[in-house]
Amino acid sequence: MDKLDTRVMQGLGRVDVWLDENVTGLVAPAALEAHRQSLKESIARGKHYAAQQDARFAQKVITTKDQEALRVAIVAQLRDIAQLARQLRKSIPGIGALVAPSARLGATAFLRRSESFMEKASVYAQPLIEQGMSSDFVTAIRAELQKLETAFTTREAAKSDQVTATASLKLELQHSRGIVDFIDVAVKRSLRKTDPGKLAGWQAAKRAMSTRRPTSAEPVTVASPPIQTA
């Protein structure tokens, strides 16, 4: 969450706590309790979206560093094959077509060209094995390519989920603030004349979720003490 969303979430928590501690002493319409429960549900959804914002929490997501290390390992093996192919092209027709894909390609293009490269390499597996490649190199490299593709697609899905969660959080915070506006009217009308001290506490809790720095506190009218007569 950004700083603004964090402040709003913390403020909503203070509002929720204040209501838990003071709602029984309020003379308010029956709708207040429904709004209070709606606020609790909205806060819970907001916390859920906030937790989803961090793509690192997605299952099976490897780090960018690990993903790059896997790609580097694959590139090295493809270049080994291509190097052998260059030496064998005079004696084995067609094997010269094994040109390793560039390591600078984007993830999707690299995966597709590497898969095509391995499809061709499988045709020449035996002479390549005879010249130093492992007996299972085709299967092993294909497995590594599959692992890289899974890591890439899962990471991209996690990023998409992160964007969705961020947008959902913004909307949920707006919804929560709207509920607080309904509650605010009921609280002020209940406490304005009867308990200005408690009203000041409510206003302080509500200001904590402000989306901007408050310029001044909302005035609270405090009743003057009665004049003592002789």
Protein backbone atom coordinates (compact mmCIF):
# COMPACT_ATOMS: atom_id res chain seq x y z
CA MET A 1 0.00 0.00 0.00
CA ASP A 2 1.09 3.58 -0.54
CA LYS A 3 1.28 6.03 2.36
CA LEU A 4 -2.16 7.47 1.69
CA ASP A 5 -3.90 4.09 1.63
CA THR A 6 -2.00 3.06 4.76
CA ARG A 7 -3.16 6.18 6.58
CA VAL A 8 -6.77 5.60 5.55
CA MET A 9 -6.64 1.95 6.64
CA GLN A 10 -5.18 2.90 10.01
CA GLY A 11 -7.82 5.61 10.42
CA LEU A 12 -10.61 3.19 9.61
CA GLY A 13 -9.24 0.89 12.28
CA ARG A 14 -9.41 3.72 14.83
CA VAL A 15 -12.98 4.49 13.80
CA ASP A 16 -13.91 0.82 14.18
CA VAL A 17 -12.38 0.65 17.66
CA TRP A 18 -14.12 3.86 18.75
CA LEU A 19 -17.48 2.48 17.65
CA ASP A 20 -16.88 -0.81 19.48
CA GLU A 21 -16.16 1.10 22.67
CA ASN A 22 -18.89 3.75 22.43
CA VAL A 23 -21.77 2.59 20.24
CA THR A 24 -23.85 1.32 23.15
CA GLY A 25 -23.99 4.83 24.63
CA LEU A 26 -25.30 6.46 21.47
CA VAL A 27 -28.90 7.45 20.87
CA ALA A 28 -28.94 6.77 17.15
CA PRO A 29 -31.18 5.32 14.44
CA ALA A 30 -31.33 1.55 13.97
CA ALA A 31 -29.45 1.95 10.69
CA LEU A 32 -26.30 2.77 12.64
CA GLU A 33 -25.74 -0.86 13.62
CA ALA A 34 -26.15 -1.99 10.00
CA HIS A 35 -23.62 0.64 8.90
CA ARG A 36 -21.25 -0.46 11.65
CA GLN A 37 -21.35 -4.08 10.47
CA SER A 38 -20.93 -3.00 6.86
CA LEU A 39 -17.87 -1.02 7.88
CA LYS A 40 -16.32 -4.05 9.59
CA GLU A 41 -16.89 -6.16 6.46
CA SER A 42 -15.44 -3.44 4.23
CA ILE A 43 -12.35 -3.10 6.42
CA ALA A 44 -11.83 -6.88 6.27
CA ARG A 45 -12.03 -6.83 2.47
CA GLY A 46 -9.60 -3.93 2.37
CA LYS A 47 -7.07 -5.87 4.45
CA HIS A 48 -7.48 -8.83 2.09
CA TYR A 49 -6.76 -6.69 -0.97
CA ALA A 50 -3.80 -5.07 0.78
CA ALA A 51 -2.29 -8.50 1.43
CA GLN A 52 -2.75 -9.45 -2.23
CA GLN A 53 -0.85 -6.38 -3.43
CA ASP A 54 2.55 -7.96 -2.80
CA ALA A 55 3.30 -10.25 -5.75
CA ARG A 56 6.03 -11.94 -3.72
CA PHE A 57 3.31 -13.71 -1.73
CA ALA A 58 2.02 -15.56 -4.82
CA GLN A 59 2.67 -19.29 -4.75
CA LYS A 60 5.48 -20.71 -6.87
CA VAL A 61 6.81 -17.29 -7.86
CA ILE A 62 10.59 -17.36 -8.13
CA THR A 63 12.60 -14.17 -7.86
CA THR A 64 13.75 -12.26 -10.91
CA LYS A 65 17.34 -13.14 -9.99
CA ASP A 66 16.56 -16.88 -9.89
CA GLN A 67 14.61 -16.63 -13.13
CA GLU A 68 17.55 -14.95 -14.85
CA ALA A 69 19.96 -17.56 -13.50
CA LEU A 70 17.80 -20.32 -15.02
CA ARG A 71 17.72 -18.51 -18.34
CA VAL A 72 21.51 -18.07 -18.34
CA ALA A 73 21.96 -21.81 -17.70
CA ILE A 74 19.66 -22.66 -20.62
CA VAL A 75 21.45 -20.24 -22.97
CA ALA A 76 24.80 -21.84 -22.12
CA GLN A 77 23.52 -25.30 -23.07
CA LEU A 78 21.93 -24.10 -26.30
CA ARG A 79 25.20 -22.45 -27.28
CA ASP A 80 27.05 -25.72 -26.56
CA ILE A 81 24.74 -27.47 -29.01
CA ALA A 82 25.17 -24.72 -31.61
CA GLN A 83 28.95 -24.85 -31.25
CA LEU A 84 28.99 -28.59 -31.87
CA ALA A 85 26.60 -28.13 -34.81
CA ARG A 86 28.99 -25.68 -36.49
CA GLN A 87 31.77 -28.24 -36.33
CA LEU A 88 29.52 -31.04 -37.62
CA ARG A 89 27.84 -29.18 -40.48
CA LYS A 90 30.39 -30.39 -43.05
CA SER A 91 29.69 -34.03 -42.27
CA ILE A 92 26.00 -33.91 -41.26
CA PRO A 93 23.69 -32.10 -43.70
CA GLY A 94 21.23 -29.69 -42.10
CA ILE A 95 22.76 -29.60 -38.63
CA GLY A 96 24.13 -26.13 -39.35
CA ALA A 97 20.58 -24.79 -38.92
CA LEU A 98 21.08 -25.14 -35.15
CA VAL A 99 21.75 -21.50 -34.31
CA ALA A 100 21.15 -20.62 -30.66
CA PRO A 101 18.55 -17.88 -30.02
CA SER A 102 19.82 -14.54 -28.78
CA ALA A 103 19.95 -14.13 -25.01
CA ARG A 104 18.62 -10.59 -25.47
CA LEU A 105 15.19 -11.70 -26.68
CA GLY A 106 12.14 -11.00 -24.58
CA ALA A 107 10.89 -13.86 -22.40
CA THR A 108 8.14 -15.07 -24.73
CA ALA A 109 10.25 -14.86 -27.91
CA PHE A 110 13.17 -16.58 -26.17
CA LEU A 111 10.97 -19.46 -25.00
CA ARG A 112 9.38 -20.00 -28.44
CA ARG A 113 12.68 -19.90 -30.32
CA SER A 114 14.38 -22.13 -27.77
CA GLU A 115 11.60 -24.70 -28.09
CA SER A 116 11.97 -24.59 -31.88
CA PHE A 117 15.74 -24.96 -31.50
CA MET A 118 15.31 -28.05 -29.31
CA GLU A 119 12.83 -29.54 -31.76
CA LYS A 120 15.52 -29.36 -34.44
CA ALA A 121 18.24 -30.53 -32.04
CA SER A 122 16.26 -33.67 -31.22
CA VAL A 123 16.65 -34.73 -34.85
CA TYR A 124 20.43 -34.68 -34.42
CA ALA A 125 20.47 -35.95 -30.84
CA GLN A 126 22.67 -39.00 -31.49
CA PRO A 127 25.64 -37.27 -33.18
CA LEU A 128 25.45 -34.48 -30.58
CA ILE A 129 25.55 -37.04 -27.76
CA GLU A 130 28.53 -38.70 -29.43
CA GLN A 131 30.31 -35.34 -29.38
CA GLY A 132 29.77 -34.58 -25.70
CA MET A 133 26.14 -33.73 -24.96
CA SER A 134 24.55 -35.81 -22.17
CA SER A 135 22.40 -38.75 -23.21
CA ASP A 136 19.27 -37.02 -21.89
CA PHE A 137 20.10 -33.47 -22.98
CA VAL A 138 16.94 -33.03 -25.05
CA THR A 139 14.64 -34.05 -22.20
CA ALA A 140 16.65 -32.11 -19.61
CA ILE A 141 16.73 -28.84 -21.55
CA ARG A 142 13.05 -29.10 -22.42
CA ALA A 143 12.29 -29.56 -18.72
CA GLU A 144 14.29 -26.44 -17.90
CA LEU A 145 12.44 -24.49 -20.59
CA GLN A 146 9.13 -25.63 -19.11
CA LYS A 147 10.28 -24.53 -15.67
CA LEU A 148 11.26 -21.12 -17.03
CA GLU A 149 7.93 -20.71 -18.82
CA THR A 150 6.01 -21.68 -15.68
CA ALA A 151 8.02 -19.19 -13.64
CA PHE A 152 7.42 -16.45 -16.20
CA THR A 153 3.68 -17.01 -16.62
CA THR A 154 3.12 -17.40 -12.87
CA ARG A 155 5.01 -14.20 -12.18
CA GLU A 156 3.05 -12.30 -14.81
CA ALA A 157 -0.20 -13.64 -13.34
CA ALA A 158 0.94 -12.50 -9.90
CA LYS A 159 1.63 -9.01 -11.27
CA SER A 160 -1.84 -8.96 -12.81
CA ASP A 161 -3.34 -9.99 -9.48
CA GLN A 162 -1.36 -7.21 -7.82
CA VAL A 163 -2.82 -4.59 -10.17
CA THR A 164 -6.32 -5.95 -9.58
CA ALA A 165 -5.83 -5.91 -5.80
CA THR A 166 -4.56 -2.33 -5.88
CA ALA A 167 -7.59 -1.12 -7.84
CA SER A 168 -9.95 -3.12 -5.61
CA LEU A 169 -8.35 -1.65 -2.48
CA LYS A 170 -8.86 1.90 -3.76
CA LEU A 171 -12.54 1.21 -4.41
CA GLU A 172 -13.00 -0.52 -1.05
CA LEU A 173 -11.44 2.37 0.84
CA GLN A 174 -13.82 4.76 -0.93
CA HIS A 175 -16.69 2.50 0.07
CA SER A 176 -15.53 2.43 3.70
CA ARG A 177 -15.26 6.20 3.82
CA GLY A 178 -18.77 6.48 2.44
CA ILE A 179 -20.07 4.26 5.25
CA VAL A 180 -18.24 6.41 7.80
CA ASP A 181 -20.05 9.47 6.42
CA PHE A 182 -23.40 7.84 7.26
CA ILE A 183 -22.13 6.94 10.73
CA ASP A 184 -20.70 10.42 11.25
CA VAL A 185 -24.10 12.09 10.99
CA ALA A 186 -25.65 9.69 13.51
CA VAL A 187 -22.77 10.12 15.99
CA LYS A 188 -22.75 13.93 15.76
CA ARG A 189 -26.50 14.21 16.20
CA SER A 190 -26.33 11.90 19.22
CA LEU A 191 -23.41 13.59 20.98
CA ARG A 192 -23.39 17.22 19.84
CA LYS A 193 -25.43 18.46 22.80
CA THR A 194 -25.08 15.60 25.27
CA ASP A 195 -21.40 14.69 25.31
CA PRO A 196 -19.08 17.08 23.42
CA GLY A 197 -16.01 15.43 24.95
CA LYS A 198 -16.88 12.06 23.48
CA LEU A 199 -17.74 13.80 20.20
CA ALA A 200 -14.22 15.25 20.13
CA GLY A 201 -12.85 11.72 20.46
CA TRP A 202 -14.97 10.59 17.53
CA GLN A 203 -13.79 13.47 15.37
CA ALA A 204 -10.16 12.70 16.21
CA ALA A 205 -10.64 9.06 15.17
CA LYS A 206 -12.36 10.11 11.96
CA ARG A 207 -9.68 12.67 11.04
CA ALA A 208 -7.03 9.95 11.26
CA MET A 209 -8.34 8.46 8.00
CA SER A 210 -8.31 11.78 6.15
CA THR A 211 -6.88 11.71 2.63
CA ARG A 212 -5.25 15.09 3.22
CA ARG A 213 -3.54 16.84 6.06
CA PRO A 214 -6.19 18.53 8.19
CA THR A 215 -5.95 22.34 8.21
CA SER A 216 -7.89 22.69 11.41
CA ALA A 217 -9.96 20.57 13.71
CA GLU A 218 -13.71 20.63 13.37
CA PRO A 219 -14.99 22.92 16.10
CA VAL A 220 -16.71 21.30 19.03
CA THR A 221 -19.08 23.34 21.15
CA VAL A 222 -18.45 22.74 24.81
CA ALA A 223 -21.20 23.76 27.19
CA SER A 224 -20.22 26.52 29.66
CA PRO A 225 -20.35 25.60 33.33
CA PRO A 226 -23.35 27.03 35.20
CA ILE A 227 -22.78 30.40 36.89
CA GLN A 228 -22.69 30.10 40.65
CA THR A 229 -24.95 32.57 42.45
CA ALA A 230 -24.54 33.69 45.99
